[in-house]
Amino acid sequence: MTETGTMGLPYDLIIFYLFASIVVCASGMVIVARNPVHAVLFLVLTFFACAGLWILLEAEFLAITLVLVYVGAVMVLFLFVIMMLDINLAVMKEGFVRYLGIGTVIAVAMLGLMTAVLGPEHFGIDQVPAPARHGPDYSNTEALGRVLYTDYVYAFEIAAVILLVAIIAAILLGLRKPRNRKLQDAGTQAMVRKEDRLRIVKMDAEKGGHS
């Protein structure tokens, strides 16, 4: 039996609308905010609200991963990079006003397409029933691992190979030798002697005179 709140709605539905409202408002502020630092902070709030939605779906592992990976690592990196860069906010404000019209048209078109594809007639409760509630012994991490390494094992391996190729390509691009670039040789540095780095010059002591 589902408990209901003061408005006659189930508590989980009220919490869903709360988190969904936060996601919509915060993601909109990511686009509207003039200050890049504020935009990143609104994006962090969006990720936290999305993690709350994942918890409502009994996907605690995905919620924790979203907070730890995106909020704890990626967004902190973005925030540091934005704060260290010298961004001209005046130019950003001029571009925002200039492209506001076409941005609004594209946003309305995307909203219409998402409503047509993801509307209640395709993804409503009648077409896709709500999943059954699981007991306290249920582990969504184990269920996710079973599905990932059985039904989608080939897609998982292909994604792993693509990421490996991307890492190798990034390393090779970083190791290219431009003409005016000086690279360090770790082996030469480890075998260095003190005679190669330090030169002792003997000089006669001089006594300064008093004026």
Protein backbone atom coordinates (compact mmCIF):
# COMPACT_ATOMS: atom_id res chain seq x y z
CA MET A 1 0.00 0.00 0.00
CA THR A 2 1.37 3.39 -1.04
CA GLU A 3 1.24 6.20 1.49
CA THR A 4 -0.29 9.47 0.36
CA GLY A 5 0.54 13.03 1.28
CA THR A 6 -1.63 15.98 2.21
CA MET A 7 -2.67 16.55 -1.43
CA GLY A 8 -3.83 12.97 -1.94
CA LEU A 9 -0.79 12.07 -4.07
CA PRO A 10 1.63 9.28 -3.20
CA TYR A 11 4.81 10.41 -1.48
CA ASP A 12 7.03 8.95 -4.19
CA LEU A 13 5.09 10.87 -6.85
CA ILE A 14 5.46 14.11 -4.89
CA ILE A 15 9.20 13.54 -4.53
CA PHE A 16 9.43 12.75 -8.25
CA TYR A 17 7.74 16.03 -9.19
CA LEU A 18 10.03 17.88 -6.77
CA PHE A 19 13.22 16.44 -8.25
CA ALA A 20 11.90 16.78 -11.81
CA SER A 21 11.12 20.46 -11.22
CA ILE A 22 14.61 21.02 -9.86
CA VAL A 23 16.12 19.30 -12.92
CA VAL A 24 14.12 21.43 -15.37
CA CYS A 25 14.76 24.72 -13.57
CA ALA A 26 18.46 24.06 -12.91
CA SER A 27 19.15 22.89 -16.45
CA GLY A 28 17.43 26.00 -17.77
CA MET A 29 19.61 28.16 -15.55
CA VAL A 30 22.69 26.44 -16.97
CA ILE A 31 21.79 28.00 -20.32
CA VAL A 32 20.51 31.34 -19.05
CA ALA A 33 23.22 32.09 -16.46
CA ARG A 34 25.65 34.73 -17.68
CA ASN A 35 28.45 33.74 -15.30
CA PRO A 36 30.13 30.43 -16.32
CA VAL A 37 30.85 29.54 -12.70
CA HIS A 38 27.17 29.90 -11.82
CA ALA A 39 26.28 27.75 -14.85
CA VAL A 40 28.58 24.97 -13.63
CA LEU A 41 27.08 25.15 -10.14
CA PHE A 42 23.55 24.88 -11.59
CA LEU A 43 24.73 21.86 -13.59
CA VAL A 44 25.97 20.28 -10.34
CA LEU A 45 22.51 20.87 -8.85
CA THR A 46 20.99 19.20 -11.93
CA PHE A 47 23.15 16.13 -11.42
CA PHE A 48 22.16 15.89 -7.75
CA ALA A 49 18.47 16.05 -8.68
CA CYS A 50 18.99 13.39 -11.36
CA ALA A 51 20.65 11.20 -8.73
CA GLY A 52 17.51 11.60 -6.61
CA LEU A 53 15.42 10.40 -9.55
CA TRP A 54 17.69 7.38 -9.93
CA ILE A 55 17.18 6.55 -6.27
CA LEU A 56 13.41 6.66 -6.78
CA LEU A 57 13.89 4.07 -9.52
CA GLU A 58 15.82 1.85 -7.07
CA ALA A 59 19.04 2.42 -9.01
CA GLU A 60 21.23 3.44 -6.11
CA PHE A 61 24.43 2.36 -7.85
CA LEU A 62 23.80 4.65 -10.82
CA ALA A 63 22.90 7.51 -8.48
CA ILE A 64 26.13 7.13 -6.51
CA THR A 65 28.13 6.82 -9.72
CA LEU A 66 26.55 9.99 -11.09
CA VAL A 67 27.46 11.96 -7.96
CA LEU A 68 30.98 10.56 -7.57
CA VAL A 69 32.06 10.62 -11.21
CA TYR A 70 30.32 13.66 -12.66
CA VAL A 71 29.91 15.90 -9.62
CA GLY A 72 33.01 14.81 -7.71
CA ALA A 73 35.42 14.64 -10.65
CA VAL A 74 34.23 16.01 -13.98
CA MET A 75 32.36 19.09 -12.76
CA VAL A 76 35.08 19.98 -10.26
CA LEU A 77 37.58 19.85 -13.12
CA PHE A 78 35.32 22.04 -15.27
CA LEU A 79 34.96 24.49 -12.39
CA PHE A 80 38.72 24.75 -11.88
CA VAL A 81 39.34 25.25 -15.60
CA ILE A 82 36.68 27.94 -15.90
CA MET A 83 37.94 29.78 -12.82
CA MET A 84 41.54 29.69 -14.08
CA LEU A 85 40.67 30.93 -17.57
CA ASP A 86 40.33 34.62 -18.26
CA ILE A 87 36.86 34.65 -19.83
CA ASN A 88 35.50 37.89 -21.22
CA LEU A 89 31.96 37.97 -19.86
CA ALA A 90 31.00 41.03 -21.92
CA VAL A 91 31.52 39.13 -25.18
CA MET A 92 29.46 36.21 -23.86
CA LYS A 93 26.59 38.52 -22.98
CA GLU A 94 26.58 40.01 -26.47
CA GLY A 95 26.50 36.54 -28.06
CA PHE A 96 23.67 35.45 -25.78
CA VAL A 97 21.41 38.27 -26.93
CA ARG A 98 22.40 37.78 -30.55
CA TYR A 99 21.50 34.08 -30.70
CA LEU A 100 18.54 34.17 -28.31
CA GLY A 101 15.93 34.01 -31.09
CA ILE A 102 17.36 31.05 -32.97
CA GLY A 103 18.13 29.29 -29.69
CA THR A 104 14.50 29.65 -28.60
CA VAL A 105 13.26 28.22 -31.91
CA ILE A 106 15.61 25.23 -31.64
CA ALA A 107 14.59 24.64 -28.01
CA VAL A 108 10.88 24.69 -28.89
CA ALA A 109 11.49 22.30 -31.80
CA MET A 110 13.42 19.89 -29.58
CA LEU A 111 10.71 20.05 -26.92
CA GLY A 112 8.07 19.23 -29.53
CA LEU A 113 10.07 16.26 -30.85
CA MET A 114 10.70 14.92 -27.34
CA THR A 115 7.00 15.27 -26.49
CA ALA A 116 6.01 13.42 -29.67
CA VAL A 117 8.49 10.59 -29.11
CA LEU A 118 8.43 10.32 -25.31
CA GLY A 119 4.81 11.29 -24.74
CA PRO A 120 2.38 9.35 -22.53
CA GLU A 121 0.91 7.56 -25.55
CA HIS A 122 4.26 5.81 -26.07
CA PHE A 123 5.80 5.67 -22.58
CA GLY A 124 2.79 6.01 -20.30
CA ILE A 125 1.77 3.69 -17.48
CA ASP A 126 -0.64 1.90 -19.82
CA GLN A 127 2.10 1.03 -22.32
CA VAL A 128 4.99 0.57 -19.87
CA PRO A 129 3.76 -0.55 -16.43
CA ALA A 130 5.62 0.52 -13.33
CA PRO A 131 8.26 -1.99 -12.18
CA ALA A 132 7.56 -4.07 -9.13
CA ARG A 133 9.04 -3.05 -5.81
CA HIS A 134 11.93 -5.17 -4.58
CA GLY A 135 12.80 -6.24 -1.09
CA PRO A 136 15.70 -4.98 1.03
CA ASP A 137 17.91 -7.88 -0.12
CA TYR A 138 17.72 -6.79 -3.75
CA SER A 139 21.00 -5.52 -5.23
CA ASN A 140 20.68 -3.38 -8.34
CA THR A 141 24.46 -3.51 -8.75
CA GLU A 142 24.31 -7.28 -9.13
CA ALA A 143 21.36 -7.03 -11.52
CA LEU A 144 23.17 -4.41 -13.59
CA GLY A 145 26.28 -6.57 -13.74
CA ARG A 146 24.30 -9.62 -14.83
CA VAL A 147 22.62 -7.72 -17.67
CA LEU A 148 25.82 -5.92 -18.67
CA TYR A 149 27.97 -9.04 -18.90
CA THR A 150 25.36 -11.35 -20.44
CA ASP A 151 22.89 -9.61 -22.75
CA TYR A 152 25.11 -6.63 -23.62
CA VAL A 153 28.56 -8.20 -23.31
CA TYR A 154 29.48 -7.55 -26.97
CA ALA A 155 28.41 -3.92 -26.81
CA PHE A 156 30.38 -3.54 -23.55
CA GLU A 157 33.53 -5.03 -25.09
CA ILE A 158 33.19 -2.86 -28.21
CA ALA A 159 32.85 0.25 -26.04
CA ALA A 160 35.94 -0.80 -24.07
CA VAL A 161 37.96 -1.23 -27.27
CA ILE A 162 36.82 2.18 -28.55
CA LEU A 163 37.84 3.84 -25.28
CA LEU A 164 41.22 2.08 -25.41
CA VAL A 165 41.81 3.32 -28.96
CA ALA A 166 40.81 6.83 -27.88
CA ILE A 167 43.30 6.74 -24.98
CA ILE A 168 46.11 5.53 -27.25
CA ALA A 169 45.27 8.21 -29.81
CA ALA A 170 45.30 10.93 -27.16
CA ILE A 171 48.70 9.74 -25.91
CA LEU A 172 50.14 9.68 -29.43
CA LEU A 173 48.81 13.17 -30.15
CA GLY A 174 50.42 14.40 -26.96
CA LEU A 175 53.78 12.80 -27.83
CA ARG A 176 54.13 14.42 -31.23
CA LYS A 177 57.42 16.25 -31.60
CA PRO A 178 57.08 19.79 -32.89
CA ARG A 179 60.17 21.60 -34.03
CA ASN A 180 60.36 23.99 -31.10
CA ARG A 181 59.40 21.51 -28.38
CA LYS A 182 61.85 20.23 -25.79
CA LEU A 183 61.18 16.78 -24.35
CA GLN A 184 62.67 15.23 -21.25
CA ASP A 185 64.56 11.94 -21.29
CA ALA A 186 63.94 10.17 -18.00
CA GLY A 187 66.77 7.69 -18.58
CA THR A 188 69.33 10.44 -19.18
CA GLN A 189 68.11 12.33 -16.13
CA ALA A 190 68.42 9.24 -13.94
CA MET A 191 72.01 8.54 -15.09
CA VAL A 192 73.24 12.09 -14.63
CA ARG A 193 76.39 12.75 -12.61
CA LYS A 194 77.22 15.66 -10.40
CA GLU A 195 80.03 16.69 -12.76
CA ASP A 196 77.43 17.19 -15.51
CA ARG A 197 75.26 19.52 -13.45
CA LEU A 198 77.61 21.20 -10.98
CA ARG A 199 80.81 23.07 -11.64
CA ILE A 200 82.93 24.37 -8.81
CA VAL A 201 84.94 27.48 -9.63
CA LYS A 202 87.81 28.40 -7.32
CA MET A 203 88.25 32.09 -6.76
CA ASP A 204 90.63 33.97 -4.60
CA ALA A 205 89.11 35.62 -1.59
CA GLU A 206 88.88 39.35 -1.81
CA LYS A 207 88.61 41.74 1.05
CA GLY A 208 86.54 44.79 0.35
CA GLY A 209 88.00 48.13 1.41
CA HIS A 210 86.21 50.71 3.57
CA SER A 211 85.57 54.07 2.03
